[in-house]
Amino acid sequence: MNIAMLVDANGNAIPFGKPGTLRLFNHEEHGWKPVMEFTFSMHADQGFAAIRRSILDLAARLGDCRTLLVGPFQGFPRSLLLELGFSVWTVEGAAARYLDQIMQRTAEARAQTHGVPASQDDTLGVPTPSLKKGCCSGVYMIDLIKVQAKGTSHNSKDILLPFFEKSSFSRLDIICDHVPKWFANELASLKLGFTAEPLAGGRMMVAVQPDGCAPCRTCSGG
């Protein structure tokens, strides 16, 4: 397994938006071996086009590695990394000490995808969708920002689509930083619609509900 990490000079994980070193490790029979290292610099004020080029270049240099350790960050860079198939793990302090745990959690997540229960780890925050009933039957909520900030091997589609396909619900409220791009194609085929409204701090609330469904006034904020 290959795992990459963005770190400072002391090996501590840093967020995108700060210049640092990208280190790539490979797990072999006798442990982890560093196989590549290069300087990576991307500034949050570069603009979307420049940030996109930086991340696409990063993905190309990492080859088939799609597991990345970084410090806490949000916004467009995280969304693009997830769209490119990265598992983004948010960690603090010395990034190398998480390698074994993340390898284990990745294996557990793959097992869970195939129906085998996986254990949870509050330190790394490997999440399952935190769907909670609202005041009316069938009303649920999930905070995608918190889920993905804790580090997960799944993107928004991996998390939400199975719920949309298999669950009976009247509304799902999603806290996120953007409307997932796949909503445009997938929701219509599932006979679902959505509305979006801005929240404080650059967040937004996206409400997804079946076509023709009308939740009660309390749940709809009326």
N, C-alpha and C. Protein backbone atom coordinates (compact mmCIF):
# COMPACT_ATOMS: atom_id res chain seq x y z
N MET A 1 0.84 -1.20 0.00
CA MET A 1 0.00 0.00 0.00
C MET A 1 0.87 1.25 0.00
N ASN A 2 0.47 2.26 -0.75
CA ASN A 2 1.16 3.55 -0.79
C ASN A 2 0.34 4.60 -0.04
N ILE A 3 0.99 5.41 0.76
CA ILE A 3 0.35 6.52 1.46
C ILE A 3 1.22 7.76 1.31
N ALA A 4 0.60 8.88 0.95
CA ALA A 4 1.32 10.15 0.82
C ALA A 4 0.93 11.07 1.97
N MET A 5 1.84 11.98 2.31
CA MET A 5 1.54 12.94 3.37
C MET A 5 2.16 14.29 3.04
N LEU A 6 1.45 15.34 3.41
CA LEU A 6 1.95 16.71 3.25
C LEU A 6 2.41 17.18 4.62
N VAL A 7 3.71 17.45 4.76
CA VAL A 7 4.28 17.74 6.07
C VAL A 7 5.20 18.96 6.03
N ASP A 8 5.50 19.48 7.23
CA ASP A 8 6.48 20.55 7.34
C ASP A 8 7.87 19.96 7.57
N ALA A 9 8.84 20.81 7.89
CA ALA A 9 10.23 20.35 8.05
C ALA A 9 10.39 19.37 9.21
N ASN A 10 9.45 19.39 10.16
CA ASN A 10 9.52 18.49 11.31
C ASN A 10 8.69 17.23 11.14
N GLY A 11 8.10 17.05 9.97
CA GLY A 11 7.29 15.87 9.73
C GLY A 11 5.87 15.95 10.24
N ASN A 12 5.43 17.16 10.63
CA ASN A 12 4.07 17.35 11.11
C ASN A 12 3.13 17.65 9.94
N ALA A 13 1.95 17.07 9.99
CA ALA A 13 0.98 17.27 8.91
C ALA A 13 0.56 18.74 8.83
N ILE A 14 0.47 19.26 7.61
CA ILE A 14 0.04 20.63 7.38
C ILE A 14 -1.09 20.64 6.36
N PRO A 15 -1.94 21.66 6.39
CA PRO A 15 -3.07 21.72 5.44
C PRO A 15 -2.64 22.24 4.08
N PHE A 16 -3.45 21.99 3.08
CA PHE A 16 -3.24 22.62 1.79
C PHE A 16 -3.36 24.13 1.99
N GLY A 17 -2.57 24.88 1.28
CA GLY A 17 -2.51 26.32 1.45
C GLY A 17 -1.23 26.75 2.12
N LYS A 18 -0.47 25.77 2.64
CA LYS A 18 0.83 26.05 3.23
C LYS A 18 1.90 25.29 2.47
N PRO A 19 3.03 25.93 2.16
CA PRO A 19 4.10 25.20 1.46
C PRO A 19 4.72 24.13 2.36
N GLY A 20 5.02 22.99 1.78
CA GLY A 20 5.60 21.91 2.55
C GLY A 20 6.22 20.85 1.66
N THR A 21 6.38 19.67 2.22
CA THR A 21 7.00 18.56 1.50
C THR A 21 5.99 17.44 1.35
N LEU A 22 5.88 16.89 0.16
CA LEU A 22 5.02 15.75 -0.09
C LEU A 22 5.89 14.49 -0.03
N ARG A 23 5.61 13.61 0.90
CA ARG A 23 6.36 12.37 1.05
C ARG A 23 5.47 11.18 0.75
N LEU A 24 6.00 10.25 -0.03
CA LEU A 24 5.27 9.05 -0.41
C LEU A 24 5.93 7.84 0.23
N PHE A 25 5.13 7.03 0.93
CA PHE A 25 5.62 5.84 1.60
C PHE A 25 4.96 4.60 1.01
N ASN A 26 5.73 3.52 0.97
CA ASN A 26 5.22 2.23 0.52
C ASN A 26 5.39 1.20 1.64
N HIS A 27 4.34 0.42 1.88
CA HIS A 27 4.42 -0.60 2.93
C HIS A 27 4.97 -1.88 2.35
N GLU A 28 6.05 -2.36 2.95
CA GLU A 28 6.67 -3.60 2.53
C GLU A 28 6.65 -4.59 3.69
N GLU A 29 7.26 -5.74 3.50
CA GLU A 29 7.22 -6.80 4.50
C GLU A 29 7.77 -6.35 5.85
N HIS A 30 8.78 -5.51 5.83
CA HIS A 30 9.44 -5.10 7.07
C HIS A 30 9.03 -3.70 7.53
N GLY A 31 7.95 -3.15 6.97
CA GLY A 31 7.49 -1.84 7.41
C GLY A 31 7.37 -0.84 6.29
N TRP A 32 7.37 0.44 6.66
CA TRP A 32 7.17 1.52 5.71
C TRP A 32 8.50 2.03 5.18
N LYS A 33 8.54 2.25 3.86
CA LYS A 33 9.76 2.73 3.22
C LYS A 33 9.44 3.99 2.42
N PRO A 34 10.18 5.09 2.65
CA PRO A 34 9.97 6.29 1.83
C PRO A 34 10.44 6.05 0.40
N VAL A 35 9.59 6.37 -0.56
CA VAL A 35 9.95 6.10 -1.96
C VAL A 35 10.04 7.37 -2.81
N MET A 36 9.50 8.48 -2.31
CA MET A 36 9.55 9.71 -3.10
C MET A 36 9.31 10.90 -2.18
N GLU A 37 9.91 12.02 -2.52
CA GLU A 37 9.73 13.25 -1.74
C GLU A 37 9.92 14.44 -2.67
N PHE A 38 9.02 15.41 -2.58
CA PHE A 38 9.18 16.62 -3.39
C PHE A 38 8.47 17.79 -2.70
N THR A 39 8.91 18.99 -3.04
CA THR A 39 8.31 20.21 -2.48
C THR A 39 6.96 20.46 -3.14
N PHE A 40 5.99 20.80 -2.31
CA PHE A 40 4.66 21.11 -2.84
C PHE A 40 4.19 22.43 -2.25
N SER A 41 3.82 23.35 -3.11
CA SER A 41 3.37 24.67 -2.67
C SER A 41 2.11 25.05 -3.42
N MET A 42 1.05 25.29 -2.69
CA MET A 42 -0.20 25.73 -3.28
C MET A 42 -0.84 26.72 -2.33
N HIS A 43 -1.16 27.90 -2.82
CA HIS A 43 -1.71 28.94 -1.97
C HIS A 43 -3.20 29.09 -2.23
N ALA A 44 -3.96 29.26 -1.15
CA ALA A 44 -5.41 29.32 -1.26
C ALA A 44 -5.89 30.50 -2.10
N ASP A 45 -5.06 31.55 -2.24
CA ASP A 45 -5.48 32.73 -2.98
C ASP A 45 -5.05 32.68 -4.45
N GLN A 46 -4.62 31.52 -4.93
CA GLN A 46 -4.18 31.41 -6.33
C GLN A 46 -5.33 31.46 -7.32
N GLY A 47 -6.54 31.15 -6.88
CA GLY A 47 -7.67 31.05 -7.79
C GLY A 47 -7.93 29.60 -8.16
N PHE A 48 -9.16 29.31 -8.56
CA PHE A 48 -9.56 27.94 -8.83
C PHE A 48 -8.72 27.27 -9.91
N ALA A 49 -8.44 27.99 -10.99
CA ALA A 49 -7.71 27.39 -12.11
C ALA A 49 -6.30 26.97 -11.69
N ALA A 50 -5.62 27.84 -10.96
CA ALA A 50 -4.25 27.52 -10.51
C ALA A 50 -4.25 26.40 -9.48
N ILE A 51 -5.24 26.42 -8.56
CA ILE A 51 -5.33 25.35 -7.58
C ILE A 51 -5.60 24.02 -8.26
N ARG A 52 -6.47 24.04 -9.23
CA ARG A 52 -6.79 22.80 -9.96
C ARG A 52 -5.55 22.25 -10.65
N ARG A 53 -4.77 23.13 -11.30
CA ARG A 53 -3.55 22.66 -11.97
C ARG A 53 -2.58 22.06 -10.96
N SER A 54 -2.44 22.69 -9.80
CA SER A 54 -1.52 22.19 -8.77
C SER A 54 -1.93 20.81 -8.29
N ILE A 55 -3.23 20.61 -8.07
CA ILE A 55 -3.71 19.33 -7.56
C ILE A 55 -3.64 18.25 -8.63
N LEU A 56 -3.95 18.61 -9.87
CA LEU A 56 -3.83 17.63 -10.96
C LEU A 56 -2.38 17.20 -11.14
N ASP A 57 -1.45 18.15 -11.01
CA ASP A 57 -0.03 17.82 -11.09
C ASP A 57 0.37 16.91 -9.93
N LEU A 58 -0.14 17.22 -8.74
CA LEU A 58 0.13 16.38 -7.57
C LEU A 58 -0.36 14.96 -7.80
N ALA A 59 -1.58 14.83 -8.30
CA ALA A 59 -2.15 13.50 -8.54
C ALA A 59 -1.32 12.72 -9.56
N ALA A 60 -0.86 13.41 -10.58
CA ALA A 60 -0.05 12.74 -11.60
C ALA A 60 1.28 12.25 -11.02
N ARG A 61 1.90 13.07 -10.17
CA ARG A 61 3.19 12.69 -9.58
C ARG A 61 3.06 11.54 -8.59
N LEU A 62 1.89 11.41 -7.96
CA LEU A 62 1.69 10.35 -7.00
C LEU A 62 1.31 9.02 -7.66
N GLY A 63 1.07 9.03 -8.95
CA GLY A 63 0.77 7.80 -9.65
C GLY A 63 -0.52 7.17 -9.17
N ASP A 64 -0.46 5.89 -8.76
CA ASP A 64 -1.68 5.20 -8.34
C ASP A 64 -1.97 5.39 -6.85
N CYS A 65 -1.18 6.16 -6.14
CA CYS A 65 -1.45 6.43 -4.73
C CYS A 65 -2.62 7.40 -4.61
N ARG A 66 -3.64 7.00 -3.86
CA ARG A 66 -4.80 7.86 -3.66
C ARG A 66 -5.16 7.94 -2.18
N THR A 67 -4.17 7.80 -1.31
CA THR A 67 -4.37 7.98 0.12
C THR A 67 -3.47 9.11 0.58
N LEU A 68 -4.05 10.13 1.19
CA LEU A 68 -3.30 11.34 1.51
C LEU A 68 -3.56 11.79 2.94
N LEU A 69 -2.49 12.07 3.68
CA LEU A 69 -2.57 12.61 5.03
C LEU A 69 -2.23 14.10 4.99
N VAL A 70 -3.08 14.91 5.59
CA VAL A 70 -2.87 16.36 5.63
C VAL A 70 -3.39 16.90 6.95
N GLY A 71 -3.05 18.16 7.22
CA GLY A 71 -3.65 18.86 8.34
C GLY A 71 -5.06 19.31 7.97
N PRO A 72 -5.83 19.81 8.94
CA PRO A 72 -7.23 20.20 8.69
C PRO A 72 -7.34 21.28 7.61
N PHE A 73 -8.24 21.08 6.68
CA PHE A 73 -8.54 22.08 5.65
C PHE A 73 -9.89 21.75 5.02
N GLN A 74 -10.48 22.73 4.34
CA GLN A 74 -11.78 22.55 3.72
C GLN A 74 -11.79 23.24 2.36
N GLY A 75 -12.95 23.23 1.72
CA GLY A 75 -13.16 23.99 0.52
C GLY A 75 -12.83 23.26 -0.77
N PHE A 76 -12.58 24.05 -1.82
CA PHE A 76 -12.40 23.51 -3.16
C PHE A 76 -11.28 22.48 -3.27
N PRO A 77 -10.10 22.70 -2.66
CA PRO A 77 -9.05 21.67 -2.79
C PRO A 77 -9.49 20.30 -2.29
N ARG A 78 -10.17 20.25 -1.14
CA ARG A 78 -10.65 18.97 -0.63
C ARG A 78 -11.66 18.34 -1.59
N SER A 79 -12.58 19.15 -2.10
CA SER A 79 -13.59 18.62 -3.01
C SER A 79 -12.95 18.04 -4.27
N LEU A 80 -11.95 18.73 -4.80
CA LEU A 80 -11.29 18.25 -6.01
C LEU A 80 -10.52 16.97 -5.73
N LEU A 81 -9.83 16.90 -4.61
CA LEU A 81 -9.11 15.68 -4.25
C LEU A 81 -10.06 14.49 -4.16
N LEU A 82 -11.22 14.69 -3.55
CA LEU A 82 -12.20 13.61 -3.43
C LEU A 82 -12.72 13.20 -4.79
N GLU A 83 -12.96 14.18 -5.67
CA GLU A 83 -13.42 13.88 -7.01
C GLU A 83 -12.39 13.07 -7.79
N LEU A 84 -11.11 13.28 -7.49
CA LEU A 84 -10.04 12.55 -8.16
C LEU A 84 -9.81 11.17 -7.54
N GLY A 85 -10.61 10.83 -6.56
CA GLY A 85 -10.53 9.50 -5.97
C GLY A 85 -9.63 9.37 -4.76
N PHE A 86 -9.18 10.50 -4.19
CA PHE A 86 -8.31 10.44 -3.02
C PHE A 86 -9.12 10.13 -1.75
N SER A 87 -8.51 9.35 -0.87
CA SER A 87 -8.98 9.23 0.51
C SER A 87 -8.17 10.24 1.32
N VAL A 88 -8.84 11.28 1.80
CA VAL A 88 -8.16 12.37 2.49
C VAL A 88 -8.32 12.18 3.99
N TRP A 89 -7.21 11.99 4.68
CA TRP A 89 -7.22 11.76 6.12
C TRP A 89 -6.68 12.99 6.84
N THR A 90 -7.47 13.57 7.71
CA THR A 90 -7.06 14.73 8.48
C THR A 90 -6.42 14.27 9.78
N VAL A 91 -5.14 14.60 9.97
CA VAL A 91 -4.41 14.19 11.17
C VAL A 91 -3.68 15.40 11.74
N GLU A 92 -3.21 15.27 12.95
CA GLU A 92 -2.46 16.33 13.61
C GLU A 92 -1.14 15.79 14.14
N GLY A 93 -0.11 16.62 14.13
CA GLY A 93 1.19 16.20 14.64
C GLY A 93 1.95 15.37 13.64
N ALA A 94 2.83 14.49 14.15
CA ALA A 94 3.70 13.68 13.29
C ALA A 94 2.87 12.74 12.43
N ALA A 95 2.87 12.98 11.13
CA ALA A 95 2.00 12.22 10.23
C ALA A 95 2.41 10.75 10.13
N ALA A 96 3.70 10.46 10.22
CA ALA A 96 4.18 9.09 10.02
C ALA A 96 3.62 8.12 11.06
N ARG A 97 3.27 8.63 12.23
CA ARG A 97 2.79 7.71 13.27
C ARG A 97 1.38 7.18 12.98
N TYR A 98 0.71 7.74 11.97
CA TYR A 98 -0.63 7.27 11.62
C TYR A 98 -0.63 6.22 10.51
N LEU A 99 0.53 5.92 9.93
CA LEU A 99 0.56 5.06 8.76
C LEU A 99 -0.08 3.70 9.00
N ASP A 100 0.32 3.03 10.08
CA ASP A 100 -0.23 1.70 10.35
C ASP A 100 -1.73 1.75 10.61
N GLN A 101 -2.17 2.77 11.35
CA GLN A 101 -3.59 2.88 11.66
C GLN A 101 -4.41 3.10 10.40
N ILE A 102 -3.90 3.94 9.51
CA ILE A 102 -4.65 4.23 8.29
C ILE A 102 -4.68 3.02 7.37
N MET A 103 -3.59 2.28 7.31
CA MET A 103 -3.60 1.05 6.52
C MET A 103 -4.66 0.10 7.05
N GLN A 104 -4.76 -0.02 8.38
CA GLN A 104 -5.76 -0.89 8.98
C GLN A 104 -7.17 -0.39 8.71
N ARG A 105 -7.37 0.92 8.87
CA ARG A 105 -8.71 1.48 8.66
C ARG A 105 -9.14 1.38 7.20
N THR A 106 -8.18 1.52 6.29
CA THR A 106 -8.50 1.38 4.87
C THR A 106 -8.97 -0.04 4.57
N ALA A 107 -8.29 -1.02 5.15
CA ALA A 107 -8.69 -2.40 4.96
C ALA A 107 -10.08 -2.66 5.55
N GLU A 108 -10.36 -2.04 6.71
CA GLU A 108 -11.66 -2.21 7.34
C GLU A 108 -12.76 -1.56 6.51
N ALA A 109 -12.46 -0.39 5.92
CA ALA A 109 -13.45 0.30 5.09
C ALA A 109 -13.78 -0.54 3.86
N ARG A 110 -12.77 -1.17 3.28
CA ARG A 110 -13.02 -2.04 2.13
C ARG A 110 -13.86 -3.24 2.53
N ALA A 111 -13.59 -3.78 3.72
CA ALA A 111 -14.38 -4.91 4.20
C ALA A 111 -15.81 -4.49 4.44
N GLN A 112 -15.98 -3.29 4.99
CA GLN A 112 -17.33 -2.80 5.27
C GLN A 112 -18.12 -2.61 3.98
N THR A 113 -17.45 -2.18 2.93
CA THR A 113 -18.10 -2.01 1.63
C THR A 113 -18.69 -3.32 1.15
N HIS A 114 -18.04 -4.42 1.52
CA HIS A 114 -18.50 -5.75 1.12
C HIS A 114 -19.35 -6.41 2.19
N GLY A 115 -19.86 -5.61 3.15
CA GLY A 115 -20.81 -6.12 4.11
C GLY A 115 -20.23 -6.61 5.41
N VAL A 116 -18.94 -6.40 5.66
CA VAL A 116 -18.33 -6.82 6.91
C VAL A 116 -18.24 -5.63 7.84
N PRO A 117 -18.80 -5.69 9.06
CA PRO A 117 -18.76 -4.54 9.96
C PRO A 117 -17.33 -4.11 10.26
N ALA A 118 -17.11 -2.81 10.29
CA ALA A 118 -15.79 -2.27 10.60
C ALA A 118 -15.85 -1.56 11.94
N SER A 119 -14.78 -1.63 12.72
CA SER A 119 -14.73 -0.93 13.99
C SER A 119 -14.52 0.55 13.76
N GLN A 120 -14.78 1.35 14.78
CA GLN A 120 -14.64 2.79 14.66
C GLN A 120 -13.43 3.26 15.47
N ASP A 121 -12.84 4.35 15.08
CA ASP A 121 -11.70 4.91 15.78
C ASP A 121 -11.92 6.40 15.93
N ASP A 122 -12.15 6.87 17.16
CA ASP A 122 -12.46 8.27 17.38
C ASP A 122 -11.28 9.17 17.11
N THR A 123 -10.05 8.65 17.23
CA THR A 123 -8.88 9.49 17.01
C THR A 123 -8.79 9.93 15.56
N LEU A 124 -8.92 8.96 14.66
CA LEU A 124 -8.87 9.29 13.24
C LEU A 124 -10.25 9.66 12.70
N GLY A 125 -11.31 9.30 13.44
CA GLY A 125 -12.64 9.66 13.00
C GLY A 125 -13.06 8.99 11.73
N VAL A 126 -12.84 7.68 11.59
CA VAL A 126 -13.31 6.96 10.41
C VAL A 126 -14.82 6.86 10.51
N PRO A 127 -15.57 7.57 9.66
CA PRO A 127 -17.00 7.69 9.91
C PRO A 127 -17.85 6.75 9.06
N THR A 128 -19.05 6.47 9.55
CA THR A 128 -20.15 6.00 8.73
C THR A 128 -21.12 7.17 8.67
N PRO A 129 -22.02 7.23 7.68
CA PRO A 129 -22.94 8.36 7.59
C PRO A 129 -23.71 8.56 8.88
N SER A 130 -23.64 9.76 9.45
CA SER A 130 -24.30 10.06 10.72
C SER A 130 -25.68 10.60 10.43
N LEU A 131 -26.62 9.72 10.14
CA LEU A 131 -27.97 10.10 9.76
C LEU A 131 -28.87 10.04 10.98
N LYS A 132 -29.49 11.14 11.33
CA LYS A 132 -30.28 11.22 12.56
C LYS A 132 -31.72 11.62 12.23
N LYS A 133 -32.66 10.96 12.87
CA LYS A 133 -34.06 11.30 12.64
C LYS A 133 -34.36 12.68 13.17
N GLY A 134 -35.18 13.40 12.43
CA GLY A 134 -35.61 14.71 12.86
C GLY A 134 -36.91 14.60 13.64
N CYS A 135 -37.64 15.67 13.72
CA CYS A 135 -38.85 15.66 14.55
C CYS A 135 -39.98 14.90 13.87
N CYS A 136 -39.89 14.67 12.58
CA CYS A 136 -40.89 13.90 11.87
C CYS A 136 -40.26 12.61 11.37
N SER A 137 -41.09 11.58 11.24
CA SER A 137 -40.59 10.31 10.74
C SER A 137 -40.04 10.48 9.33
N GLY A 138 -38.84 9.96 9.11
CA GLY A 138 -38.27 9.98 7.77
C GLY A 138 -37.44 11.20 7.45
N VAL A 139 -37.22 12.09 8.43
CA VAL A 139 -36.37 13.26 8.21
C VAL A 139 -35.00 12.97 8.80
N TYR A 140 -33.94 13.13 8.00
CA TYR A 140 -32.59 12.79 8.41
C TYR A 140 -31.65 13.96 8.17
N MET A 141 -30.45 13.89 8.78
CA MET A 141 -29.45 14.93 8.60
C MET A 141 -28.06 14.31 8.60
N ILE A 142 -27.16 14.88 7.81
CA ILE A 142 -25.77 14.47 7.83
C ILE A 142 -24.89 15.70 7.60
N ASP A 143 -23.82 15.81 8.34
CA ASP A 143 -22.86 16.90 8.18
C ASP A 143 -21.67 16.35 7.41
N LEU A 144 -21.67 16.54 6.10
CA LEU A 144 -20.59 16.02 5.26
C LEU A 144 -19.25 16.68 5.58
N ILE A 145 -19.29 17.94 5.98
CA ILE A 145 -18.04 18.64 6.28
C ILE A 145 -17.33 17.96 7.45
N LYS A 146 -18.08 17.65 8.51
CA LYS A 146 -17.47 16.99 9.66
C LYS A 146 -17.01 15.57 9.32
N VAL A 147 -17.83 14.84 8.55
CA VAL A 147 -17.47 13.48 8.16
C VAL A 147 -16.16 13.47 7.39
N GLN A 148 -16.05 14.33 6.38
CA GLN A 148 -14.87 14.30 5.52
C GLN A 148 -13.67 14.98 6.15
N ALA A 149 -13.91 15.85 7.14
CA ALA A 149 -12.79 16.48 7.83
C ALA A 149 -12.07 15.49 8.74
N LYS A 150 -12.79 14.48 9.22
CA LYS A 150 -12.19 13.49 10.10
C LYS A 150 -11.36 12.46 9.34
N GLY A 151 -11.52 12.42 8.03
CA GLY A 151 -10.76 11.46 7.25
C GLY A 151 -11.62 10.27 6.90
N THR A 152 -11.87 10.02 5.64
CA THR A 152 -12.70 8.91 5.20
C THR A 152 -12.25 8.45 3.83
N SER A 153 -12.44 7.17 3.59
CA SER A 153 -12.06 6.63 2.29
C SER A 153 -13.17 6.80 1.26
N HIS A 154 -14.26 7.46 1.64
CA HIS A 154 -15.39 7.60 0.74
C HIS A 154 -15.65 9.07 0.41
N ASN A 155 -16.07 9.34 -0.84
CA ASN A 155 -16.48 10.68 -1.21
C ASN A 155 -17.98 10.82 -0.98
N SER A 156 -18.54 11.98 -1.34
CA SER A 156 -19.95 12.24 -1.04
C SER A 156 -20.87 11.23 -1.73
N LYS A 157 -20.51 10.80 -2.92
CA LYS A 157 -21.35 9.84 -3.64
C LYS A 157 -21.34 8.49 -2.95
N ASP A 158 -20.17 8.06 -2.49
CA ASP A 158 -20.08 6.79 -1.77
C ASP A 158 -20.95 6.81 -0.51
N ILE A 159 -20.98 7.96 0.16
CA ILE A 159 -21.71 8.07 1.42
C ILE A 159 -23.21 8.19 1.20
N LEU A 160 -23.63 9.02 0.24
CA LEU A 160 -25.04 9.37 0.12
C LEU A 160 -25.84 8.48 -0.82
N LEU A 161 -25.24 8.04 -1.93
CA LEU A 161 -26.02 7.33 -2.94
C LEU A 161 -26.67 6.05 -2.40
N PRO A 162 -25.96 5.23 -1.60
CA PRO A 162 -26.63 4.04 -1.06
C PRO A 162 -27.85 4.40 -0.21
N PHE A 163 -27.76 5.50 0.53
CA PHE A 163 -28.91 5.94 1.33
C PHE A 163 -30.07 6.32 0.42
N PHE A 164 -29.79 7.08 -0.64
CA PHE A 164 -30.84 7.48 -1.57
C PHE A 164 -31.49 6.27 -2.24
N GLU A 165 -30.69 5.27 -2.56
CA GLU A 165 -31.18 4.11 -3.30
C GLU A 165 -31.96 3.13 -2.43
N LYS A 166 -31.59 3.03 -1.13
CA LYS A 166 -32.13 1.94 -0.31
C LYS A 166 -33.03 2.39 0.83
N SER A 167 -33.04 3.68 1.11
CA SER A 167 -33.77 4.14 2.31
C SER A 167 -35.08 4.81 1.94
N SER A 168 -36.04 4.68 2.84
CA SER A 168 -37.30 5.40 2.73
C SER A 168 -37.19 6.65 3.60
N PHE A 169 -37.32 7.81 3.01
CA PHE A 169 -37.15 9.04 3.79
C PHE A 169 -38.02 10.14 3.18
N SER A 170 -38.35 11.12 4.00
CA SER A 170 -39.11 12.27 3.52
C SER A 170 -38.20 13.45 3.22
N ARG A 171 -37.05 13.51 3.91
CA ARG A 171 -36.07 14.56 3.60
C ARG A 171 -34.73 14.22 4.22
N LEU A 172 -33.67 14.54 3.50
CA LEU A 172 -32.31 14.45 4.04
C LEU A 172 -31.68 15.83 3.96
N ASP A 173 -31.33 16.39 5.12
CA ASP A 173 -30.65 17.68 5.18
C ASP A 173 -29.14 17.44 5.23
N ILE A 174 -28.42 18.06 4.31
CA ILE A 174 -26.98 17.84 4.18
C ILE A 174 -26.25 19.16 4.40
N ILE A 175 -25.38 19.21 5.39
CA ILE A 175 -24.51 20.37 5.59
C ILE A 175 -23.23 20.11 4.80
N CYS A 176 -22.87 21.01 3.92
CA CYS A 176 -21.72 20.80 3.05
C CYS A 176 -21.14 22.16 2.64
N ASP A 177 -20.05 22.13 1.86
CA ASP A 177 -19.49 23.40 1.37
C ASP A 177 -19.78 23.64 -0.11
N HIS A 178 -20.44 22.66 -0.76
CA HIS A 178 -20.87 22.84 -2.14
C HIS A 178 -21.89 21.75 -2.46
N VAL A 179 -22.71 21.99 -3.48
CA VAL A 179 -23.64 20.96 -3.94
C VAL A 179 -22.85 19.93 -4.75
N PRO A 180 -22.87 18.66 -4.37
CA PRO A 180 -22.12 17.66 -5.13
C PRO A 180 -22.50 17.68 -6.62
N LYS A 181 -21.50 17.65 -7.48
CA LYS A 181 -21.75 17.75 -8.92
C LYS A 181 -22.60 16.60 -9.44
N TRP A 182 -22.49 15.43 -8.83
CA TRP A 182 -23.22 14.27 -9.33
C TRP A 182 -24.72 14.36 -9.06
N PHE A 183 -25.15 15.30 -8.21
CA PHE A 183 -26.57 15.45 -7.95
C PHE A 183 -27.35 15.70 -9.25
N ALA A 184 -26.78 16.47 -10.16
CA ALA A 184 -27.50 16.87 -11.37
C ALA A 184 -27.96 15.67 -12.18
N ASN A 185 -27.14 14.62 -12.25
CA ASN A 185 -27.49 13.45 -13.05
C ASN A 185 -28.21 12.38 -12.25
N GLU A 186 -27.74 12.12 -11.03
CA GLU A 186 -28.23 10.98 -10.27
C GLU A 186 -29.60 11.21 -9.63
N LEU A 187 -29.84 12.41 -9.09
CA LEU A 187 -31.07 12.61 -8.33
C LEU A 187 -32.31 12.53 -9.20
N ALA A 188 -32.23 13.06 -10.41
CA ALA A 188 -33.40 13.02 -11.30
C ALA A 188 -33.81 11.59 -11.61
N SER A 189 -32.82 10.72 -11.83
CA SER A 189 -33.14 9.33 -12.14
C SER A 189 -33.74 8.59 -10.95
N LEU A 190 -33.47 9.08 -9.74
CA LEU A 190 -34.03 8.49 -8.53
C LEU A 190 -35.34 9.17 -8.10
N LYS A 191 -35.80 10.12 -8.90
CA LYS A 191 -37.01 10.89 -8.63
C LYS A 191 -36.89 11.67 -7.32
N LEU A 192 -35.71 12.30 -7.18
CA LEU A 192 -35.44 13.15 -6.03
C LEU A 192 -35.15 14.56 -6.50
N GLY A 193 -35.49 15.53 -5.67
CA GLY A 193 -35.16 16.91 -5.95
C GLY A 193 -34.41 17.50 -4.77
N PHE A 194 -33.84 18.69 -4.96
CA PHE A 194 -33.12 19.31 -3.85
C PHE A 194 -33.20 20.82 -3.92
N THR A 195 -33.03 21.44 -2.77
CA THR A 195 -32.90 22.89 -2.66
C THR A 195 -31.64 23.17 -1.85
N ALA A 196 -31.08 24.36 -2.01
CA ALA A 196 -29.86 24.72 -1.31
C ALA A 196 -29.98 26.15 -0.78
N GLU A 197 -29.46 26.35 0.43
CA GLU A 197 -29.44 27.69 1.00
C GLU A 197 -28.13 27.90 1.74
N PRO A 198 -27.59 29.13 1.68
CA PRO A 198 -26.29 29.40 2.32
C PRO A 198 -26.40 29.43 3.84
N LEU A 199 -25.32 29.01 4.49
CA LEU A 199 -25.19 29.11 5.94
C LEU A 199 -23.96 29.95 6.25
N ALA A 200 -23.72 30.24 7.50
CA ALA A 200 -22.56 31.02 7.89
C ALA A 200 -21.28 30.22 7.66
N GLY A 201 -20.18 30.94 7.48
CA GLY A 201 -18.88 30.29 7.37
C GLY A 201 -18.62 29.58 6.06
N GLY A 202 -19.30 29.97 4.99
CA GLY A 202 -19.08 29.34 3.70
C GLY A 202 -19.76 27.99 3.54
N ARG A 203 -20.59 27.61 4.52
CA ARG A 203 -21.28 26.33 4.43
C ARG A 203 -22.63 26.52 3.75
N MET A 204 -23.28 25.41 3.44
CA MET A 204 -24.62 25.47 2.89
C MET A 204 -25.43 24.28 3.36
N MET A 205 -26.75 24.44 3.34
CA MET A 205 -27.66 23.36 3.68
C MET A 205 -28.37 22.93 2.41
N VAL A 206 -28.20 21.67 2.05
CA VAL A 206 -28.86 21.11 0.88
C VAL A 206 -29.90 20.12 1.37
N ALA A 207 -31.15 20.34 1.00
CA ALA A 207 -32.25 19.47 1.41
C ALA A 207 -32.69 18.63 0.22
N VAL A 208 -32.61 17.32 0.36
CA VAL A 208 -33.00 16.38 -0.70
C VAL A 208 -34.27 15.67 -0.27
N GLN A 209 -35.25 15.62 -1.16
CA GLN A 209 -36.48 14.92 -0.82
C GLN A 209 -37.11 14.33 -2.08
N PRO A 210 -37.91 13.29 -1.91
CA PRO A 210 -38.57 12.68 -3.07
C PRO A 210 -39.49 13.67 -3.76
N ASP A 211 -39.62 13.54 -5.06
CA ASP A 211 -40.52 14.41 -5.80
C ASP A 211 -41.94 14.28 -5.24
N GLY A 212 -42.56 15.41 -4.97
CA GLY A 212 -43.93 15.41 -4.48
C GLY A 212 -44.06 15.26 -2.98
N CYS A 213 -42.92 15.07 -2.27
CA CYS A 213 -42.98 14.91 -0.82
C CYS A 213 -43.10 16.27 -0.16
N ALA A 214 -43.98 16.39 0.82
CA ALA A 214 -44.19 17.65 1.52
C ALA A 214 -44.10 17.41 3.02
N PRO A 215 -42.91 17.60 3.63
CA PRO A 215 -42.77 17.42 5.07
C PRO A 215 -43.63 18.40 5.85
N CYS A 216 -43.83 18.11 7.14
CA CYS A 216 -44.66 18.98 7.96
C CYS A 216 -44.05 20.36 8.11
N ARG A 217 -44.83 21.33 8.58
CA ARG A 217 -44.36 22.71 8.70
C ARG A 217 -43.22 22.84 9.69
N THR A 218 -43.24 22.03 10.75
CA THR A 218 -42.16 22.09 11.74
C THR A 218 -40.84 21.70 11.12
N CYS A 219 -40.84 20.58 10.36
CA CYS A 219 -39.59 20.10 9.76
C CYS A 219 -39.12 20.99 8.63
N SER A 220 -40.03 21.68 7.98
CA SER A 220 -39.63 22.53 6.86
C SER A 220 -39.31 23.93 7.31
N GLY A 221 -39.39 24.16 8.60
CA GLY A 221 -39.03 25.47 9.14
C GLY A 221 -40.17 26.45 9.11
N GLY A 222 -41.40 25.98 8.76
CA GLY A 222 -42.54 26.86 8.68
C GLY A 222 -43.23 27.08 10.00
